[in-house]
Every structure is written in C-alpha cells, then in structure tokens.
C-alpha atoms as a PDB file:
ATOM      1  CA  MET A   1     -35.857 216.113 -26.217  1.00  0.00           C
ATOM      2  CA  PRO A   2     -38.052 214.114 -28.739  1.00  0.00           C
ATOM      3  CA  ARG A   3     -41.600 212.742 -27.318  1.00  0.00           C
ATOM      4  CA  PRO A   4     -41.876 209.404 -26.842  1.00  0.00           C
ATOM      5  CA  ALA A   5     -43.831 207.652 -29.802  1.00  0.00           C
ATOM      6  CA  ARG A   6     -47.691 206.914 -28.782  1.00  0.00           C
ATOM      7  CA  ALA A   7     -48.363 203.135 -28.534  1.00  0.00           C
ATOM      8  CA  LYS A   8     -50.576 202.598 -31.409  1.00  0.00           C
ATOM      9  CA  PRO A   9     -53.644 201.048 -30.529  1.00  0.00           C
ATOM     10  CA  LYS A  10     -54.012 197.453 -31.114  1.00  0.00           C
ATOM     11  CA  ASP A  11     -56.236 195.878 -34.109  1.00  0.00           C
ATOM     12  CA  LYS A  12     -59.676 195.608 -33.007  1.00  0.00           C
ATOM     13  CA  VAL A  13     -60.038 191.884 -33.054  1.00  0.00           C
ATOM     14  CA  ILE A  14     -63.518 190.998 -34.699  1.00  0.00           C
ATOM     15  CA  ARG A  15     -65.379 187.632 -33.350  1.00  0.00           C
ATOM     16  CA  LEU A  16     -68.184 186.797 -35.246  1.00  0.00           C
ATOM     17  CA  ASP A  17     -70.849 184.484 -33.106  1.00  0.00           C
ATOM     18  CA  ALA A  18     -71.713 181.141 -33.651  1.00  0.00           C
ATOM     19  CA  ALA A  19     -74.676 181.875 -35.573  1.00  0.00           C
ATOM     20  CA  ALA A  20     -72.739 183.961 -38.100  1.00  0.00           C
ATOM     21  CA  TRP A  21     -70.438 181.072 -39.059  1.00  0.00           C
ATOM     22  CA  ILE A  22     -73.305 178.863 -39.268  1.00  0.00           C
ATOM     23  CA  ALA A  23     -75.462 181.330 -41.554  1.00  0.00           C
ATOM     24  CA  ALA A  24     -72.329 181.640 -43.800  1.00  0.00           C
ATOM     25  CA  ALA A  25     -71.826 177.725 -43.864  1.00  0.00           C
ATOM     26  CA  PHE A  26     -75.961 177.652 -44.850  1.00  0.00           C
ATOM     27  CA  ASP A  27     -75.294 179.807 -47.541  1.00  0.00           C
ATOM     28  CA  ALA A  28     -72.163 178.161 -48.919  1.00  0.00           C
ATOM     29  CA  LEU A  29     -74.144 174.740 -48.320  1.00  0.00           C
ATOM     30  CA  ALA A  30     -76.662 175.761 -51.012  1.00  0.00           C
ATOM     31  CA  ASP A  31     -74.174 177.422 -53.260  1.00  0.00           C
ATOM     32  CA  GLY A  32     -72.183 174.037 -53.610  1.00  0.00           C
ATOM     33  CA  GLY A  33     -73.261 171.347 -51.295  1.00  0.00           C
ATOM     34  CA  ILE A  34     -71.220 169.926 -48.352  1.00  0.00           C
ATOM     35  CA  ASP A  35     -67.784 170.373 -50.168  1.00  0.00           C
ATOM     36  CA  THR A  36     -67.851 174.155 -49.940  1.00  0.00           C
ATOM     37  CA  VAL A  37     -68.321 174.505 -46.373  1.00  0.00           C
ATOM     38  CA  ARG A  38     -64.723 175.096 -45.142  1.00  0.00           C
ATOM     39  CA  VAL A  39     -62.926 177.113 -42.898  1.00  0.00           C
ATOM     40  CA  GLU A  40     -60.804 178.951 -44.934  1.00  0.00           C
ATOM     41  CA  PRO A  41     -62.986 180.138 -47.598  1.00  0.00           C
ATOM     42  CA  LEU A  42     -65.831 180.668 -45.041  1.00  0.00           C
ATOM     43  CA  ALA A  43     -63.692 183.121 -43.164  1.00  0.00           C
ATOM     44  CA  LYS A  44     -62.565 184.938 -46.494  1.00  0.00           C
ATOM     45  CA  SER A  45     -66.302 185.162 -47.174  1.00  0.00           C
ATOM     46  CA  LEU A  46     -66.732 186.871 -43.877  1.00  0.00           C
ATOM     47  CA  ALA A  47     -63.852 188.875 -44.417  1.00  0.00           C
ATOM     48  CA  ILE A  48     -62.452 187.505 -40.809  1.00  0.00           C
ATOM     49  CA  THR A  49     -59.339 185.375 -39.691  1.00  0.00           C
ATOM     50  CA  LYS A  50     -59.973 181.692 -38.764  1.00  0.00           C
ATOM     51  CA  GLY A  51     -59.452 182.669 -35.138  1.00  0.00           C
ATOM     52  CA  SER A  52     -62.921 183.862 -35.041  1.00  0.00           C
ATOM     53  CA  PHE A  53     -64.193 180.136 -36.407  1.00  0.00           C
ATOM     54  CA  TYR A  54     -61.967 178.422 -33.744  1.00  0.00           C
ATOM     55  CA  TRP A  55     -63.305 180.420 -30.577  1.00  0.00           C
ATOM     56  CA  HIS A  56     -66.685 178.896 -31.708  1.00  0.00           C
ATOM     57  CA  PHE A  57     -66.245 175.533 -33.068  1.00  0.00           C
ATOM     58  CA  ALA A  58     -63.258 172.887 -32.674  1.00  0.00           C
ATOM     59  CA  ASP A  59     -63.148 172.072 -35.868  1.00  0.00           C
ATOM     60  CA  ARG A  60     -65.167 171.520 -39.188  1.00  0.00           C
ATOM     61  CA  ARG A  61     -67.011 168.854 -37.780  1.00  0.00           C
ATOM     62  CA  ALA A  62     -68.125 171.153 -35.247  1.00  0.00           C
ATOM     63  CA  LEU A  63     -69.813 173.180 -37.458  1.00  0.00           C
ATOM     64  CA  ILE A  64     -71.514 170.744 -39.722  1.00  0.00           C
ATOM     65  CA  ASP A  65     -72.915 169.068 -36.614  1.00  0.00           C
ATOM     66  CA  ALA A  66     -73.920 172.930 -35.555  1.00  0.00           C
ATOM     67  CA  MET A  67     -75.488 173.428 -38.914  1.00  0.00           C
ATOM     68  CA  LEU A  68     -77.192 169.890 -38.461  1.00  0.00           C
ATOM     69  CA  ALA A  69     -78.719 170.796 -35.357  1.00  0.00           C
ATOM     70  CA  ALA A  70     -80.085 174.232 -36.511  1.00  0.00           C
ATOM     71  CA  TRP A  71     -81.178 172.558 -39.390  1.00  0.00           C
ATOM     72  CA  THR A  72     -83.386 169.744 -37.536  1.00  0.00           C
ATOM     73  CA  GLU A  73     -84.482 172.132 -35.283  1.00  0.00           C
ATOM     74  CA  GLY A  74     -85.432 174.916 -38.009  1.00  0.00           C
ATOM     75  CA  ARG A  75     -87.424 172.187 -39.973  1.00  0.00           C
ATOM     76  CA  ILE A  76     -89.328 170.630 -37.006  1.00  0.00           C
ATOM     77  CA  ALA A  77     -90.089 174.237 -35.622  1.00  0.00           C
ATOM     78  CA  ALA A  78     -91.665 174.677 -38.924  1.00  0.00           C
ATOM     79  CA  ILE A  79     -93.883 171.843 -39.286  1.00  0.00           C
ATOM     80  CA  ARG A  80     -95.184 172.388 -35.906  1.00  0.00           C
ATOM     81  CA  GLN A  81     -96.171 175.667 -36.686  1.00  0.00           C
ATOM     82  CA  GLN A  82     -97.191 175.125 -40.047  1.00  0.00           C
ATOM     83  CA  THR A  83     -99.653 172.302 -39.304  1.00  0.00           C
ATOM     84  CA  GLU A  84    -101.094 173.704 -35.519  1.00  0.00           C
ATOM     85  CA  ARG A  85    -104.122 175.634 -37.021  1.00  0.00           C
ATOM     86  CA  GLY A  86    -106.830 175.142 -39.583  1.00  0.00           C
ATOM     87  CA  GLU A  87    -108.684 172.853 -41.630  1.00  0.00           C
ATOM     88  CA  PRO A  88    -106.687 169.740 -42.648  1.00  0.00           C
ATOM     89  CA  ALA A  89    -107.030 170.402 -46.652  1.00  0.00           C
ATOM     90  CA  ALA A  90    -106.718 173.816 -46.562  1.00  0.00           C
ATOM     91  CA  VAL A  91    -102.969 173.477 -44.349  1.00  0.00           C
ATOM     92  CA  LEU A  92    -102.205 170.716 -47.083  1.00  0.00           C
ATOM     93  CA  ARG A  93    -102.634 173.163 -49.588  1.00  0.00           C
ATOM     94  CA  THR A  94    -100.661 175.774 -47.921  1.00  0.00           C
ATOM     95  CA  LEU A  95     -97.924 173.644 -47.483  1.00  0.00           C
ATOM     96  CA  ALA A  96     -97.961 172.328 -51.103  1.00  0.00           C
ATOM     97  CA  ASP A  97     -97.878 176.063 -52.231  1.00  0.00           C
ATOM     98  CA  LEU A  98     -94.801 176.350 -49.950  1.00  0.00           C
ATOM     99  CA  TYR A  99     -93.061 173.894 -52.294  1.00  0.00           C
ATOM    100  CA  THR A 100     -94.464 174.841 -55.682  1.00  0.00           C
ATOM    101  CA  ARG A 101     -95.815 178.319 -56.224  1.00  0.00           C
ATOM    102  CA  HIS A 102     -93.626 179.733 -53.388  1.00  0.00           C
ATOM    103  CA  ALA A 103     -90.536 177.417 -53.729  1.00  0.00           C
ATOM    104  CA  ASN A 104     -87.745 178.642 -51.172  1.00  0.00           C
ATOM    105  CA  ILE A 105     -84.660 177.709 -53.812  1.00  0.00           C
ATOM    106  CA  ARG A 106     -81.805 178.111 -51.225  1.00  0.00           C
ATOM    107  CA  GLY A 107     -83.770 176.139 -48.561  1.00  0.00           C
ATOM    108  CA  LEU A 108     -84.602 173.651 -51.187  1.00  0.00           C
ATOM    109  CA  ALA A 109     -80.491 173.501 -52.177  1.00  0.00           C
ATOM    110  CA  ILE A 110     -79.695 172.963 -48.403  1.00  0.00           C
ATOM    111  CA  GLU A 111     -82.516 170.014 -47.834  1.00  0.00           C
ATOM    112  CA  LEU A 112     -80.967 168.468 -50.698  1.00  0.00           C
ATOM    113  CA  ALA A 113     -77.471 168.928 -49.622  1.00  0.00           C
ATOM    114  CA  ILE A 114     -77.872 167.367 -46.085  1.00  0.00           C
ATOM    115  CA  ARG A 115     -79.993 164.508 -47.928  1.00  0.00           C
ATOM    116  CA  SER A 116     -76.940 163.675 -50.305  1.00  0.00           C
ATOM    117  CA  LEU A 117     -74.647 164.192 -46.957  1.00  0.00           C
ATOM    118  CA  ALA A 118     -76.806 161.773 -45.278  1.00  0.00           C
ATOM    119  CA  ARG A 119     -75.839 158.972 -47.463  1.00  0.00           C
ATOM    120  CA  THR A 120     -72.352 158.948 -46.027  1.00  0.00           C
ATOM    121  CA  ASP A 121     -72.942 160.863 -42.892  1.00  0.00           C
ATOM    122  CA  GLU A 122     -74.529 159.119 -39.727  1.00  0.00           C
ATOM    123  CA  HIS A 123     -74.805 162.523 -38.145  1.00  0.00           C
ATOM    124  CA  ALA A 124     -77.042 164.054 -41.513  1.00  0.00           C
ATOM    125  CA  ALA A 125     -78.628 160.684 -41.528  1.00  0.00           C
ATOM    126  CA  LYS A 126     -80.168 161.037 -37.988  1.00  0.00           C
ATOM    127  CA  ALA A 127     -81.004 164.482 -38.575  1.00  0.00           C
ATOM    128  CA  VAL A 128     -82.858 163.710 -41.716  1.00  0.00           C
ATOM    129  CA  ARG A 129     -84.759 160.870 -40.012  1.00  0.00           C
ATOM    130  CA  ASP A 130     -85.873 163.387 -37.316  1.00  0.00           C
ATOM    131  CA  VAL A 131     -86.762 165.712 -39.620  1.00  0.00           C
ATOM    132  CA  ASP A 132     -88.938 163.145 -41.849  1.00  0.00           C
ATOM    133  CA  ARG A 133     -90.297 161.500 -38.859  1.00  0.00           C
ATOM    134  CA  GLU A 134     -92.135 164.875 -37.788  1.00  0.00           C
ATOM    135  CA  ARG A 135     -93.122 166.143 -41.006  1.00  0.00           C
ATOM    136  CA  LEU A 136     -94.685 162.858 -41.592  1.00  0.00           C
ATOM    137  CA  GLN A 137     -96.255 162.390 -38.215  1.00  0.00           C
ATOM    138  CA  HIS A 138     -97.823 166.058 -38.450  1.00  0.00           C
ATOM    139  CA  VAL A 139     -98.655 165.684 -42.281  1.00  0.00           C
ATOM    140  CA  GLY A 140    -100.123 161.887 -41.700  1.00  0.00           C
ATOM    141  CA  LYS A 141    -102.725 163.514 -38.872  1.00  0.00           C
ATOM    142  CA  LEU A 142    -103.706 166.336 -41.448  1.00  0.00           C
ATOM    143  CA  PHE A 143    -104.920 163.336 -43.651  1.00  0.00           C
ATOM    144  CA  ALA A 144    -106.436 161.596 -40.660  1.00  0.00           C
ATOM    145  CA  GLY A 145    -108.595 164.586 -40.211  1.00  0.00           C
ATOM    146  CA  LEU A 146    -109.662 164.342 -43.726  1.00  0.00           C
ATOM    147  CA  GLY A 147    -111.268 161.238 -42.757  1.00  0.00           C
ATOM    148  CA  TRP A 148    -108.654 158.797 -43.821  1.00  0.00           C
ATOM    149  CA  PRO A 149    -107.831 155.499 -41.589  1.00  0.00           C
ATOM    150  CA  ARG A 150    -104.347 155.555 -39.912  1.00  0.00           C
ATOM    151  CA  THR A 151    -102.457 153.577 -42.589  1.00  0.00           C
ATOM    152  CA  GLU A 152    -104.260 155.402 -45.176  1.00  0.00           C
ATOM    153  CA  ALA A 153    -103.053 158.874 -43.558  1.00  0.00           C
ATOM    154  CA  GLN A 154     -99.835 157.846 -43.258  1.00  0.00           C
ATOM    155  CA  ALA A 155     -99.386 156.546 -46.766  1.00  0.00           C
ATOM    156  CA  ARG A 156    -100.851 159.722 -48.160  1.00  0.00           C
ATOM    157  CA  ALA A 157     -98.458 161.715 -46.044  1.00  0.00           C
ATOM    158  CA  ILE A 158     -95.153 159.604 -47.610  1.00  0.00           C
ATOM    159  CA  LEU A 159     -96.767 160.453 -51.116  1.00  0.00           C
ATOM    160  CA  PHE A 160     -97.593 164.287 -50.347  1.00  0.00           C
ATOM    161  CA  TYR A 161     -93.677 164.550 -49.140  1.00  0.00           C
ATOM    162  CA  SER A 162     -92.533 162.445 -51.930  1.00  0.00           C
ATOM    163  CA  TYR A 163     -94.769 164.548 -54.281  1.00  0.00           C
ATOM    164  CA  LEU A 164     -93.406 168.025 -52.984  1.00  0.00           C
ATOM    165  CA  PHE A 165     -89.699 167.328 -53.232  1.00  0.00           C
ATOM    166  CA  GLY A 166     -90.091 165.370 -56.759  1.00  0.00           C
ATOM    167  CA  GLN A 167     -92.357 168.162 -58.201  1.00  0.00           C
ATOM    168  CA  SER A 168     -89.414 170.527 -57.781  1.00  0.00           C
ATOM    169  CA  LEU A 169     -87.149 168.531 -60.296  1.00  0.00           C
ATOM    170  CA  LEU A 170     -89.375 168.205 -62.821  1.00  0.00           C
ATOM    171  CA  ASP A 171     -89.481 170.335 -65.888  1.00  0.00           C
ATOM    172  CA  ASP A 172     -91.995 173.373 -65.817  1.00  0.00           C
ATOM    173  CA  GLU A 173     -92.809 172.718 -69.484  1.00  0.00           C
ATOM    174  CA  VAL A 174     -93.977 169.348 -69.227  1.00  0.00           C
ATOM    175  CA  VAL A 175     -95.377 169.273 -65.706  1.00  0.00           C
ATOM    176  CA  PRO A 176     -97.069 172.946 -65.693  1.00  0.00           C
ATOM    177  CA  ALA A 177     -98.540 174.870 -62.590  1.00  0.00           C
ATOM    178  CA  SER A 178    -101.874 173.306 -63.552  1.00  0.00           C
ATOM    179  CA  ALA A 179    -100.881 170.245 -63.790  1.00  0.00           C
ATOM    180  CA  ARG A 180     -99.133 170.292 -60.356  1.00  0.00           C
ATOM    181  CA  ASP A 181    -102.350 172.145 -59.029  1.00  0.00           C
ATOM    182  CA  LYS A 182    -104.357 168.699 -60.295  1.00  0.00           C
ATOM    183  CA  ALA A 183    -101.792 166.403 -58.507  1.00  0.00           C
ATOM    184  CA  VAL A 184    -102.050 168.682 -55.080  1.00  0.00           C
ATOM    185  CA  HIS A 185    -105.992 168.332 -55.776  1.00  0.00           C
ATOM    186  CA  ALA A 186    -105.770 164.646 -56.041  1.00  0.00           C
ATOM    187  CA  LEU A 187    -103.339 163.811 -53.147  1.00  0.00           C
ATOM    188  CA  ILE A 188    -105.425 166.092 -50.426  1.00  0.00           C
ATOM    189  CA  ALA A 189    -108.874 164.706 -51.630  1.00  0.00           C
ATOM    190  CA  ALA A 190    -110.990 163.628 -48.597  1.00  0.00           C
ATOM    191  CA  PRO A 191    -111.835 159.426 -48.914  1.00  0.00           C
END
C-alpha cells in the first residue's frame, strides 16, 4: 500500500513593513519622479507581490501621503538637529556645506520631485510649506544671532535657502567652488 503523499508546506508569504515600501518609493521618486511611484514597479523592484503593499496601504495615494509625512518629519527633525547648537556663523557655514561641498544628490532629487508635485497636489504643497516654514524659522534665528534685526534676519534666511537650492543648478565651470564659498561668506556676514 503506497504511503499518502506528504503535504507540501505552503509558500511562505513575505510581507515587508510599510517603511520598506516607503523607502522603495523614495528610491523611485529620486530616480524618476512621482510618475515612477507605482505599486507594480515597486513590488517588482522589491521582488514581492502587490499583496504586501495592500497590507499596509489602501492605495497609491496612501503611499504618497505616507511618503510626504516621512519627508516632512525627516526634514523638520534634520533642521532642528542641525541648528540647535553652535555659534550662528559656524552653523550657517555647516548648513551651506551640506548643500554645496557635501550635497546629497538623492536627497536633492527627492526634494525637487516633492516641490514639483506641490504645484499640483495640495498634500505635497502643505508638506513643502511646513518644511519651508520650519527651515526659515530656524535659519532666521541664526541670522538674528549674528545681530541682524528680525525682518533682515528673515530676509537673509530666504536668500540663504534660495541660494542653497539654486546653486545646485549652476554649472561648476561657471560658478566654481571658490565662487560659491565667496557667496556663502557674503550671505552669512554679520551686520
């Protein structure tokens, strides 16, 4: 009498946590913009089924909202940490170095993609407003710490961030590192 066949163990279902999906979505965003943040391509890049995605998110919009929340929290935490201690001019120079000498290309690509999305998406626009408000508040305090009156300090904070983001778009041959250093020095000079 033949033995009954053994039951094969069911394939183990793999579910990534929400953070893994968000990280993969940020990678896609950095590489190709918001249009590349799609469930099927993300699942393929993670070598997992779409079922894992739907375990954590109702739909693509929920993923994008989670990305925006993570980006906002991360950027606000970063500016608070980056500006909490130190002499104002030194802190401003360090911030400038983060965007010029030690630029995080992936982070900048994500930032630009979110800012582009903010033109047509109110959730992204709110995230950008929250981050900008926080950044300008903290950097404005640094300029006030240099001795600038409050309104001038806020104006310099706007110029500072405008320069930091804009300088990344300039050609290195036209605006070499030495010229960028002079620009930063001029921006953070005390009154």
